[in-house]
Amino acid sequence: MGRLLVSKDLLKQLSLGAIILLVLLALHLAYPNAVETVLANGDEEENVIEEDGSGGEADASELAEGAGSLAWGGGIVATLAFVVYKHAYPRLVRMGIRPPVNMRHALNLHIVVSILLGLAAIYHGYSLRSYAGPVEYVAVGLIIVILLSGLTLRYVKNRHVKAFSRMIHAQRLLSILLLIAVLIHTATIGD
């Protein structure tokens, strides 16, 4: 049996994401019922309860919604940019053009950005979990599967595990299903 050897770079690359996640979770713990209070009847203006007059609960709700918007918009842009660059890079090299960013650096940037956006999406889903339906659970499940397979592909040294992770992470069907689930989620969010 092969051993699972994890790269030491993982902690270094995840430190910023862990800090952001801890800050988001601390905010959620400080205002645990903020989202439920603000969105109780679907009318934000009538249901805002300000404990100290500063609007802290509304701020927590806006943070959760902003995290979802960031994850959606950033995920589309970052993923498409990486996919295009991944396919363009070898063609540019064959044409004798030296791209400004090598593929290893582009991959590292893709990993860090994907982790941060994935954490933002998970925070968004966790904060608004009382309003989640099957579509939202499917979306979060797909995000977790894609993130874990990518991290395993990058940081686990066992070749059998890497082959399995590559098989999962490279599935375009998973990305298409995630895109459809998030589109349905955003289209039905007001319902």
N, C-alpha and C. Protein backbone atom coordinates (compact mmCIF):
# COMPACT_ATOMS: atom_id res chain seq x y z
N MET A 1 0.84 -1.18 0.00
CA MET A 1 0.00 0.00 0.00
C MET A 1 0.88 1.24 0.00
N GLY A 2 0.51 2.20 -0.84
CA GLY A 2 1.25 3.46 -0.88
C GLY A 2 0.81 4.38 0.25
N ARG A 3 1.74 5.21 0.67
CA ARG A 3 1.41 6.17 1.72
C ARG A 3 0.86 7.44 1.10
N LEU A 4 0.00 8.13 1.83
CA LEU A 4 -0.50 9.43 1.41
C LEU A 4 0.49 10.48 1.90
N LEU A 5 1.24 11.04 1.01
CA LEU A 5 2.18 12.08 1.37
C LEU A 5 1.61 13.42 0.93
N VAL A 6 1.41 14.31 1.86
CA VAL A 6 0.80 15.60 1.57
C VAL A 6 1.91 16.65 1.48
N SER A 7 1.82 17.50 0.49
CA SER A 7 2.80 18.55 0.28
C SER A 7 2.77 19.55 1.43
N LYS A 8 3.93 20.07 1.80
CA LYS A 8 4.03 21.07 2.87
C LYS A 8 3.54 22.44 2.41
N ASP A 9 3.43 22.66 1.10
CA ASP A 9 2.95 23.94 0.57
C ASP A 9 1.47 24.16 0.86
N LEU A 10 0.76 23.11 1.18
CA LEU A 10 -0.67 23.22 1.42
C LEU A 10 -0.99 24.22 2.53
N LEU A 11 -0.29 24.12 3.65
CA LEU A 11 -0.57 25.03 4.75
C LEU A 11 -0.26 26.47 4.38
N LYS A 12 0.79 26.68 3.65
CA LYS A 12 1.16 28.04 3.26
C LYS A 12 0.12 28.63 2.32
N GLN A 13 -0.36 27.88 1.37
CA GLN A 13 -1.32 28.39 0.40
C GLN A 13 -2.72 28.53 0.98
N LEU A 14 -3.04 27.76 1.99
CA LEU A 14 -4.37 27.82 2.58
C LEU A 14 -4.47 28.80 3.74
N SER A 15 -3.38 29.37 4.18
CA SER A 15 -3.42 30.22 5.37
C SER A 15 -4.33 31.43 5.17
N LEU A 16 -4.27 32.10 4.04
CA LEU A 16 -5.13 33.24 3.80
C LEU A 16 -6.60 32.82 3.77
N GLY A 17 -6.89 31.72 3.12
CA GLY A 17 -8.26 31.22 3.08
C GLY A 17 -8.76 30.84 4.46
N ALA A 18 -7.91 30.25 5.28
CA ALA A 18 -8.30 29.89 6.64
C ALA A 18 -8.58 31.13 7.48
N ILE A 19 -7.78 32.16 7.31
CA ILE A 19 -8.00 33.40 8.05
C ILE A 19 -9.33 34.02 7.65
N ILE A 20 -9.61 34.08 6.36
CA ILE A 20 -10.88 34.64 5.89
C ILE A 20 -12.05 33.81 6.41
N LEU A 21 -11.94 32.50 6.36
CA LEU A 21 -13.01 31.64 6.86
C LEU A 21 -13.24 31.86 8.36
N LEU A 22 -12.16 31.98 9.13
CA LEU A 22 -12.31 32.22 10.56
C LEU A 22 -12.97 33.57 10.84
N VAL A 23 -12.63 34.59 10.07
CA VAL A 23 -13.26 35.90 10.24
C VAL A 23 -14.75 35.81 9.93
N LEU A 24 -15.09 35.14 8.83
CA LEU A 24 -16.50 34.98 8.46
C LEU A 24 -17.27 34.19 9.52
N LEU A 25 -16.66 33.13 10.02
CA LEU A 25 -17.33 32.34 11.06
C LEU A 25 -17.46 33.13 12.36
N ALA A 26 -16.45 33.94 12.69
CA ALA A 26 -16.54 34.78 13.90
C ALA A 26 -17.68 35.78 13.76
N LEU A 27 -17.82 36.37 12.58
CA LEU A 27 -18.94 37.28 12.36
C LEU A 27 -20.28 36.55 12.48
N HIS A 28 -20.31 35.34 11.96
CA HIS A 28 -21.55 34.57 12.06
C HIS A 28 -21.87 34.22 13.51
N LEU A 29 -20.83 33.88 14.29
CA LEU A 29 -21.05 33.56 15.70
C LEU A 29 -21.47 34.80 16.48
N ALA A 30 -20.96 35.96 16.08
CA ALA A 30 -21.34 37.20 16.76
C ALA A 30 -22.79 37.55 16.48
N TYR A 31 -23.28 37.22 15.32
CA TYR A 31 -24.67 37.50 14.92
C TYR A 31 -25.32 36.21 14.41
N PRO A 32 -25.54 35.23 15.28
CA PRO A 32 -26.00 33.92 14.82
C PRO A 32 -27.38 33.92 14.17
N ASN A 33 -28.26 34.81 14.57
CA ASN A 33 -29.61 34.81 14.01
C ASN A 33 -29.83 35.96 13.04
N ALA A 34 -28.77 36.58 12.60
CA ALA A 34 -28.90 37.77 11.77
C ALA A 34 -29.63 37.46 10.47
N VAL A 35 -29.26 36.40 9.80
CA VAL A 35 -29.86 36.10 8.51
C VAL A 35 -31.33 35.74 8.67
N GLU A 36 -31.66 34.91 9.67
CA GLU A 36 -33.04 34.52 9.88
C GLU A 36 -33.90 35.73 10.26
N THR A 37 -33.36 36.64 11.09
CA THR A 37 -34.11 37.81 11.52
C THR A 37 -34.36 38.75 10.35
N VAL A 38 -33.35 38.97 9.55
CA VAL A 38 -33.47 39.93 8.46
C VAL A 38 -34.36 39.41 7.35
N LEU A 39 -34.30 38.13 7.08
CA LEU A 39 -35.05 37.57 5.95
C LEU A 39 -36.28 36.77 6.38
N ALA A 40 -36.75 36.96 7.58
CA ALA A 40 -37.81 36.13 8.13
C ALA A 40 -39.04 36.05 7.24
N ASN A 41 -39.52 37.15 6.75
CA ASN A 41 -40.72 37.14 5.90
C ASN A 41 -40.41 37.56 4.48
N GLY A 42 -39.15 37.55 4.11
CA GLY A 42 -38.78 37.92 2.75
C GLY A 42 -38.79 39.41 2.52
N ASP A 43 -39.00 40.22 3.55
CA ASP A 43 -39.03 41.66 3.39
C ASP A 43 -37.98 42.26 4.31
N GLU A 44 -36.82 42.59 3.75
CA GLU A 44 -35.70 43.05 4.56
C GLU A 44 -36.02 44.34 5.29
N GLU A 45 -36.72 45.25 4.67
CA GLU A 45 -36.94 46.56 5.26
C GLU A 45 -37.78 46.49 6.53
N GLU A 46 -38.79 45.65 6.57
CA GLU A 46 -39.68 45.59 7.72
C GLU A 46 -39.13 44.76 8.86
N ASN A 47 -38.21 43.82 8.57
CA ASN A 47 -37.78 42.88 9.59
C ASN A 47 -36.41 43.15 10.17
N VAL A 48 -35.79 44.25 9.85
CA VAL A 48 -34.47 44.54 10.40
C VAL A 48 -34.62 44.92 11.87
N ILE A 49 -33.91 44.21 12.73
CA ILE A 49 -33.92 44.50 14.15
C ILE A 49 -32.51 44.95 14.51
N GLU A 50 -32.39 46.15 14.99
CA GLU A 50 -31.08 46.67 15.34
C GLU A 50 -30.93 46.61 16.85
N GLU A 51 -29.95 45.79 17.30
CA GLU A 51 -29.74 45.63 18.73
C GLU A 51 -29.17 46.89 19.36
N ASP A 52 -28.18 47.48 18.73
CA ASP A 52 -27.53 48.65 19.31
C ASP A 52 -27.64 49.87 18.42
N GLY A 53 -28.53 49.82 17.45
CA GLY A 53 -28.72 50.95 16.55
C GLY A 53 -27.71 51.01 15.42
N SER A 54 -26.80 50.05 15.36
CA SER A 54 -25.76 50.10 14.33
C SER A 54 -26.10 49.27 13.11
N GLY A 55 -27.16 48.48 13.17
CA GLY A 55 -27.55 47.65 12.03
C GLY A 55 -26.67 46.43 11.88
N GLY A 56 -26.12 45.90 12.97
CA GLY A 56 -25.19 44.77 12.92
C GLY A 56 -25.78 43.53 12.29
N GLU A 57 -27.05 43.25 12.56
CA GLU A 57 -27.66 42.06 11.99
C GLU A 57 -27.84 42.19 10.49
N ALA A 58 -28.19 43.38 10.04
CA ALA A 58 -28.31 43.59 8.59
C ALA A 58 -26.96 43.47 7.94
N ASP A 59 -25.90 43.93 8.62
CA ASP A 59 -24.55 43.82 8.07
C ASP A 59 -24.14 42.36 7.89
N ALA A 60 -24.49 41.50 8.86
CA ALA A 60 -24.15 40.08 8.77
C ALA A 60 -24.88 39.43 7.59
N SER A 61 -26.14 39.80 7.38
CA SER A 61 -26.89 39.26 6.26
C SER A 61 -26.29 39.72 4.94
N GLU A 62 -25.92 40.98 4.88
CA GLU A 62 -25.29 41.50 3.66
C GLU A 62 -23.95 40.83 3.41
N LEU A 63 -23.22 40.50 4.47
CA LEU A 63 -21.95 39.79 4.32
C LEU A 63 -22.17 38.41 3.70
N ALA A 64 -23.18 37.69 4.18
CA ALA A 64 -23.48 36.36 3.64
C ALA A 64 -23.91 36.45 2.18
N GLU A 65 -24.76 37.44 1.87
CA GLU A 65 -25.19 37.61 0.48
C GLU A 65 -24.03 38.04 -0.41
N GLY A 66 -23.18 38.91 0.11
CA GLY A 66 -22.01 39.35 -0.64
C GLY A 66 -21.04 38.21 -0.91
N ALA A 67 -20.90 37.31 0.07
CA ALA A 67 -20.03 36.14 -0.12
C ALA A 67 -20.55 35.27 -1.26
N GLY A 68 -21.86 35.12 -1.34
CA GLY A 68 -22.45 34.34 -2.43
C GLY A 68 -22.24 35.00 -3.78
N SER A 69 -22.43 36.31 -3.82
CA SER A 69 -22.21 37.04 -5.08
C SER A 69 -20.75 36.97 -5.52
N LEU A 70 -19.85 37.11 -4.54
CA LEU A 70 -18.41 37.01 -4.84
C LEU A 70 -18.07 35.63 -5.38
N ALA A 71 -18.59 34.60 -4.73
CA ALA A 71 -18.31 33.23 -5.16
C ALA A 71 -18.83 32.97 -6.57
N TRP A 72 -20.03 33.46 -6.87
CA TRP A 72 -20.64 33.26 -8.18
C TRP A 72 -19.86 34.00 -9.26
N GLY A 73 -19.74 35.30 -9.11
CA GLY A 73 -19.06 36.09 -10.13
C GLY A 73 -17.59 35.76 -10.27
N GLY A 74 -16.92 35.64 -9.13
CA GLY A 74 -15.50 35.32 -9.15
C GLY A 74 -15.24 33.93 -9.69
N GLY A 75 -16.12 32.99 -9.35
CA GLY A 75 -15.95 31.62 -9.83
C GLY A 75 -16.06 31.50 -11.34
N ILE A 76 -17.02 32.21 -11.90
CA ILE A 76 -17.18 32.19 -13.36
C ILE A 76 -15.94 32.77 -14.04
N VAL A 77 -15.55 33.96 -13.59
CA VAL A 77 -14.41 34.65 -14.22
C VAL A 77 -13.12 33.85 -14.03
N ALA A 78 -12.84 33.43 -12.79
CA ALA A 78 -11.58 32.75 -12.51
C ALA A 78 -11.49 31.40 -13.21
N THR A 79 -12.57 30.64 -13.21
CA THR A 79 -12.54 29.33 -13.85
C THR A 79 -12.41 29.44 -15.36
N LEU A 80 -13.19 30.33 -15.97
CA LEU A 80 -13.07 30.50 -17.42
C LEU A 80 -11.70 31.00 -17.82
N ALA A 81 -11.15 31.94 -17.04
CA ALA A 81 -9.81 32.47 -17.35
C ALA A 81 -8.77 31.35 -17.28
N PHE A 82 -8.87 30.50 -16.27
CA PHE A 82 -7.89 29.41 -16.14
C PHE A 82 -8.04 28.40 -17.27
N VAL A 83 -9.27 28.04 -17.60
CA VAL A 83 -9.49 27.05 -18.67
C VAL A 83 -8.97 27.59 -20.01
N VAL A 84 -9.25 28.84 -20.30
CA VAL A 84 -8.77 29.44 -21.55
C VAL A 84 -7.24 29.48 -21.56
N TYR A 85 -6.64 29.91 -20.45
CA TYR A 85 -5.17 30.00 -20.38
C TYR A 85 -4.54 28.61 -20.48
N LYS A 86 -5.17 27.62 -19.86
CA LYS A 86 -4.64 26.25 -19.91
C LYS A 86 -4.59 25.72 -21.33
N HIS A 87 -5.60 26.07 -22.13
CA HIS A 87 -5.62 25.60 -23.52
C HIS A 87 -4.77 26.49 -24.44
N ALA A 88 -4.66 27.76 -24.11
CA ALA A 88 -3.89 28.68 -24.95
C ALA A 88 -2.39 28.55 -24.70
N TYR A 89 -1.98 28.23 -23.49
CA TYR A 89 -0.56 28.23 -23.12
C TYR A 89 0.29 27.35 -24.04
N PRO A 90 -0.06 26.07 -24.24
CA PRO A 90 0.79 25.24 -25.12
C PRO A 90 0.80 25.73 -26.57
N ARG A 91 -0.29 26.28 -27.03
CA ARG A 91 -0.33 26.81 -28.40
C ARG A 91 0.60 28.01 -28.55
N LEU A 92 0.58 28.87 -27.54
CA LEU A 92 1.46 30.04 -27.57
C LEU A 92 2.92 29.62 -27.55
N VAL A 93 3.26 28.64 -26.74
CA VAL A 93 4.63 28.14 -26.66
C VAL A 93 5.06 27.54 -27.99
N ARG A 94 4.18 26.77 -28.64
CA ARG A 94 4.50 26.18 -29.95
C ARG A 94 4.71 27.24 -31.02
N MET A 95 4.02 28.38 -30.86
CA MET A 95 4.17 29.47 -31.83
C MET A 95 5.40 30.33 -31.53
N GLY A 96 6.13 30.00 -30.47
CA GLY A 96 7.32 30.76 -30.13
C GLY A 96 7.06 31.97 -29.26
N ILE A 97 5.84 32.10 -28.76
CA ILE A 97 5.49 33.21 -27.89
C ILE A 97 5.65 32.74 -26.44
N ARG A 98 6.37 33.54 -25.68
CA ARG A 98 6.55 33.19 -24.27
C ARG A 98 5.49 33.91 -23.43
N PRO A 99 4.52 33.15 -22.90
CA PRO A 99 3.47 33.77 -22.09
C PRO A 99 4.06 34.41 -20.84
N PRO A 100 3.42 35.49 -20.35
CA PRO A 100 3.96 36.21 -19.19
C PRO A 100 3.90 35.41 -17.88
N VAL A 101 2.97 34.46 -17.80
CA VAL A 101 2.82 33.64 -16.59
C VAL A 101 2.96 32.19 -17.01
N ASN A 102 3.88 31.46 -16.34
CA ASN A 102 4.02 30.05 -16.70
C ASN A 102 2.85 29.25 -16.13
N MET A 103 2.70 28.05 -16.61
CA MET A 103 1.53 27.24 -16.26
C MET A 103 1.52 26.88 -14.78
N ARG A 104 2.66 26.66 -14.18
CA ARG A 104 2.70 26.33 -12.75
C ARG A 104 2.17 27.48 -11.90
N HIS A 105 2.57 28.71 -12.23
CA HIS A 105 2.07 29.86 -11.49
C HIS A 105 0.56 30.05 -11.72
N ALA A 106 0.12 29.83 -12.94
CA ALA A 106 -1.32 29.94 -13.24
C ALA A 106 -2.10 28.90 -12.46
N LEU A 107 -1.55 27.69 -12.36
CA LEU A 107 -2.21 26.63 -11.59
C LEU A 107 -2.27 26.99 -10.11
N ASN A 108 -1.17 27.50 -9.55
CA ASN A 108 -1.16 27.90 -8.14
C ASN A 108 -2.18 29.01 -7.88
N LEU A 109 -2.27 29.97 -8.78
CA LEU A 109 -3.26 31.04 -8.64
C LEU A 109 -4.67 30.46 -8.71
N HIS A 110 -4.89 29.53 -9.63
CA HIS A 110 -6.20 28.87 -9.76
C HIS A 110 -6.57 28.16 -8.46
N ILE A 111 -5.63 27.49 -7.85
CA ILE A 111 -5.89 26.76 -6.61
C ILE A 111 -6.27 27.72 -5.49
N VAL A 112 -5.47 28.75 -5.29
CA VAL A 112 -5.73 29.69 -4.20
C VAL A 112 -7.06 30.41 -4.39
N VAL A 113 -7.31 30.90 -5.60
CA VAL A 113 -8.56 31.62 -5.87
C VAL A 113 -9.76 30.68 -5.72
N SER A 114 -9.63 29.46 -6.19
CA SER A 114 -10.73 28.49 -6.07
C SER A 114 -11.04 28.15 -4.61
N ILE A 115 -10.00 28.03 -3.81
CA ILE A 115 -10.21 27.74 -2.38
C ILE A 115 -10.95 28.91 -1.73
N LEU A 116 -10.48 30.12 -1.98
CA LEU A 116 -11.11 31.29 -1.37
C LEU A 116 -12.57 31.44 -1.82
N LEU A 117 -12.81 31.27 -3.11
CA LEU A 117 -14.19 31.40 -3.61
C LEU A 117 -15.06 30.25 -3.11
N GLY A 118 -14.49 29.06 -3.02
CA GLY A 118 -15.23 27.92 -2.48
C GLY A 118 -15.61 28.15 -1.02
N LEU A 119 -14.68 28.69 -0.23
CA LEU A 119 -14.98 29.01 1.16
C LEU A 119 -16.06 30.08 1.26
N ALA A 120 -16.00 31.07 0.37
CA ALA A 120 -17.04 32.11 0.36
C ALA A 120 -18.40 31.49 0.04
N ALA A 121 -18.44 30.56 -0.92
CA ALA A 121 -19.70 29.90 -1.28
C ALA A 121 -20.23 29.05 -0.13
N ILE A 122 -19.34 28.34 0.54
CA ILE A 122 -19.76 27.50 1.66
C ILE A 122 -20.26 28.36 2.81
N TYR A 123 -19.58 29.48 3.08
CA TYR A 123 -20.04 30.40 4.12
C TYR A 123 -21.43 30.95 3.77
N HIS A 124 -21.61 31.32 2.52
CA HIS A 124 -22.92 31.82 2.05
C HIS A 124 -24.00 30.77 2.29
N GLY A 125 -23.71 29.54 1.88
CA GLY A 125 -24.68 28.47 2.06
C GLY A 125 -24.95 28.16 3.52
N TYR A 126 -23.91 28.17 4.34
CA TYR A 126 -24.08 27.89 5.76
C TYR A 126 -24.91 28.98 6.43
N SER A 127 -24.63 30.22 6.10
CA SER A 127 -25.34 31.34 6.72
C SER A 127 -26.81 31.37 6.34
N LEU A 128 -27.13 30.92 5.15
CA LEU A 128 -28.51 30.95 4.66
C LEU A 128 -29.13 29.56 4.59
N ARG A 129 -28.60 28.63 5.39
CA ARG A 129 -29.03 27.23 5.32
C ARG A 129 -30.51 27.02 5.62
N SER A 130 -31.11 27.91 6.41
CA SER A 130 -32.53 27.71 6.73
C SER A 130 -33.42 27.94 5.51
N TYR A 131 -32.89 28.55 4.48
CA TYR A 131 -33.65 28.80 3.25
C TYR A 131 -33.24 27.87 2.12
N ALA A 132 -32.36 26.93 2.42
CA ALA A 132 -31.83 26.05 1.39
C ALA A 132 -32.84 24.96 1.03
N GLY A 133 -32.83 24.63 -0.25
CA GLY A 133 -33.63 23.53 -0.76
C GLY A 133 -32.71 22.52 -1.42
N PRO A 134 -33.26 21.56 -2.13
CA PRO A 134 -32.45 20.53 -2.77
C PRO A 134 -31.41 21.10 -3.74
N VAL A 135 -31.76 22.14 -4.48
CA VAL A 135 -30.83 22.72 -5.45
C VAL A 135 -29.60 23.27 -4.74
N GLU A 136 -29.82 23.95 -3.62
CA GLU A 136 -28.70 24.53 -2.88
C GLU A 136 -27.80 23.44 -2.29
N TYR A 137 -28.39 22.35 -1.80
CA TYR A 137 -27.59 21.26 -1.26
C TYR A 137 -26.78 20.58 -2.36
N VAL A 138 -27.36 20.43 -3.53
CA VAL A 138 -26.62 19.86 -4.66
C VAL A 138 -25.45 20.77 -5.02
N ALA A 139 -25.69 22.08 -5.07
CA ALA A 139 -24.63 23.03 -5.42
C ALA A 139 -23.48 22.97 -4.41
N VAL A 140 -23.80 22.97 -3.13
CA VAL A 140 -22.75 22.91 -2.11
C VAL A 140 -22.01 21.58 -2.19
N GLY A 141 -22.73 20.50 -2.39
CA GLY A 141 -22.09 19.19 -2.53
C GLY A 141 -21.13 19.15 -3.71
N LEU A 142 -21.55 19.71 -4.83
CA LEU A 142 -20.67 19.74 -6.01
C LEU A 142 -19.44 20.62 -5.76
N ILE A 143 -19.64 21.75 -5.10
CA ILE A 143 -18.50 22.63 -4.79
C ILE A 143 -17.50 21.88 -3.92
N ILE A 144 -17.98 21.18 -2.91
CA ILE A 144 -17.09 20.44 -2.02
C ILE A 144 -16.37 19.32 -2.77
N VAL A 145 -17.07 18.59 -3.61
CA VAL A 145 -16.44 17.50 -4.37
C VAL A 145 -15.36 18.05 -5.31
N ILE A 146 -15.66 19.13 -6.01
CA ILE A 146 -14.69 19.70 -6.94
C ILE A 146 -13.49 20.26 -6.19
N LEU A 147 -13.73 20.95 -5.07
CA LEU A 147 -12.62 21.48 -4.27
C LEU A 147 -11.74 20.37 -3.71
N LEU A 148 -12.37 19.37 -3.10
CA LEU A 148 -11.58 18.28 -2.51
C LEU A 148 -10.81 17.48 -3.55
N SER A 149 -11.42 17.24 -4.71
CA SER A 149 -10.69 16.50 -5.75
C SER A 149 -9.52 17.32 -6.28
N GLY A 150 -9.70 18.64 -6.41
CA GLY A 150 -8.61 19.49 -6.85
C GLY A 150 -7.48 19.56 -5.83
N LEU A 151 -7.84 19.69 -4.56
CA LEU A 151 -6.81 19.72 -3.51
C LEU A 151 -6.07 18.39 -3.42
N THR A 152 -6.80 17.30 -3.53
CA THR A 152 -6.18 15.98 -3.49
C THR A 152 -5.27 15.80 -4.70
N LEU A 153 -5.72 16.25 -5.84
CA LEU A 153 -4.92 16.15 -7.06
C LEU A 153 -3.61 16.91 -6.92
N ARG A 154 -3.66 18.04 -6.27
CA ARG A 154 -2.48 18.89 -6.14
C ARG A 154 -1.55 18.47 -5.01
N TYR A 155 -2.10 18.08 -3.87
CA TYR A 155 -1.28 17.95 -2.68
C TYR A 155 -1.02 16.52 -2.21
N VAL A 156 -1.74 15.54 -2.72
CA VAL A 156 -1.50 14.16 -2.32
C VAL A 156 -0.53 13.54 -3.32
N LYS A 157 0.47 12.83 -2.81
CA LYS A 157 1.53 12.28 -3.67
C LYS A 157 1.25 10.87 -4.17
N ASN A 158 0.30 10.16 -3.60
CA ASN A 158 -0.01 8.81 -4.01
C ASN A 158 -0.59 8.82 -5.42
N ARG A 159 0.02 8.06 -6.33
CA ARG A 159 -0.40 8.13 -7.74
C ARG A 159 -1.79 7.56 -7.99
N HIS A 160 -2.21 6.59 -7.21
CA HIS A 160 -3.55 6.02 -7.38
C HIS A 160 -4.62 7.02 -6.94
N VAL A 161 -4.36 7.69 -5.85
CA VAL A 161 -5.28 8.72 -5.37
C VAL A 161 -5.33 9.87 -6.36
N LYS A 162 -4.15 10.25 -6.89
CA LYS A 162 -4.11 11.34 -7.87
C LYS A 162 -4.89 10.98 -9.13
N ALA A 163 -4.77 9.74 -9.58
CA ALA A 163 -5.50 9.31 -10.78
C ALA A 163 -7.00 9.38 -10.55
N PHE A 164 -7.44 8.94 -9.38
CA PHE A 164 -8.87 9.00 -9.05
C PHE A 164 -9.32 10.46 -8.96
N SER A 165 -8.52 11.30 -8.32
CA SER A 165 -8.86 12.72 -8.19
C SER A 165 -8.91 13.41 -9.54
N ARG A 166 -7.97 13.08 -10.43
CA ARG A 166 -7.97 13.66 -11.77
C ARG A 166 -9.23 13.27 -12.52
N MET A 167 -9.64 12.02 -12.36
CA MET A 167 -10.84 11.54 -13.03
C MET A 167 -12.06 12.35 -12.56
N ILE A 168 -12.15 12.65 -11.27
CA ILE A 168 -13.28 13.42 -10.75
C ILE A 168 -13.16 14.89 -11.12
N HIS A 169 -11.99 15.48 -10.88
CA HIS A 169 -11.82 16.93 -11.06
C HIS A 169 -11.94 17.36 -12.52
N ALA A 170 -11.57 16.49 -13.43
CA ALA A 170 -11.60 16.84 -14.85
C ALA A 170 -12.96 16.60 -15.50
N GLN A 171 -13.92 16.13 -14.74
CA GLN A 171 -15.25 15.89 -15.30
C GLN A 171 -15.94 17.21 -15.62
N ARG A 172 -16.14 17.47 -16.87
CA ARG A 172 -16.87 18.69 -17.25
C ARG A 172 -18.32 18.61 -16.83
N LEU A 173 -18.83 17.40 -16.74
CA LEU A 173 -20.22 17.21 -16.33
C LEU A 173 -20.47 17.79 -14.93
N LEU A 174 -19.52 17.59 -14.01
CA LEU A 174 -19.68 18.14 -12.66
C LEU A 174 -19.73 19.67 -12.69
N SER A 175 -18.87 20.27 -13.49
CA SER A 175 -18.87 21.73 -13.61
C SER A 175 -20.15 22.24 -14.24
N ILE A 176 -20.63 21.53 -15.24
CA ILE A 176 -21.89 21.92 -15.90
C ILE A 176 -23.06 21.79 -14.93
N LEU A 177 -23.09 20.69 -14.16
CA LEU A 177 -24.15 20.51 -13.17
C LEU A 177 -24.09 21.60 -12.10
N LEU A 178 -22.89 21.97 -11.67
CA LEU A 178 -22.75 23.05 -10.69
C LEU A 178 -23.25 24.37 -11.28
N LEU A 179 -22.89 24.65 -12.51
CA LEU A 179 -23.34 25.87 -13.16
C LEU A 179 -24.87 25.91 -13.25
N ILE A 180 -25.47 24.80 -13.64
CA ILE A 180 -26.93 24.73 -13.73
C ILE A 180 -27.57 24.92 -12.36
N ALA A 181 -27.02 24.25 -11.33
CA ALA A 181 -27.58 24.37 -9.98
C ALA A 181 -27.51 25.81 -9.48
N VAL A 182 -26.38 26.48 -9.73
CA VAL A 182 -26.25 27.86 -9.26
C VAL A 182 -27.14 28.79 -10.07
N LEU A 183 -27.30 28.54 -11.36
CA LEU A 183 -28.22 29.35 -12.16
C LEU A 183 -29.66 29.19 -11.66
N ILE A 184 -30.07 27.97 -11.36
CA ILE A 184 -31.40 27.75 -10.80
C ILE A 184 -31.53 28.45 -9.46
N HIS A 185 -30.49 28.34 -8.63
CA HIS A 185 -30.50 29.00 -7.32
C HIS A 185 -30.67 30.51 -7.45
N THR A 186 -29.91 31.12 -8.33
CA THR A 186 -30.00 32.58 -8.47
C THR A 186 -31.32 33.01 -9.11
N ALA A 187 -31.86 32.17 -9.97
CA ALA A 187 -33.14 32.51 -10.62
C ALA A 187 -34.31 32.39 -9.66
N THR A 188 -34.20 31.50 -8.69
CA THR A 188 -35.32 31.26 -7.77
C THR A 188 -35.10 31.84 -6.39
N ILE A 189 -34.07 32.65 -6.22
CA ILE A 189 -33.69 33.15 -4.89
C ILE A 189 -34.80 33.99 -4.27
N GLY A 190 -35.57 34.70 -5.05
CA GLY A 190 -36.63 35.55 -4.50
C GLY A 190 -37.89 34.78 -4.14
N ASP A 191 -37.98 33.53 -4.58
CA ASP A 191 -39.21 32.74 -4.35
C ASP A 191 -39.28 32.22 -2.94
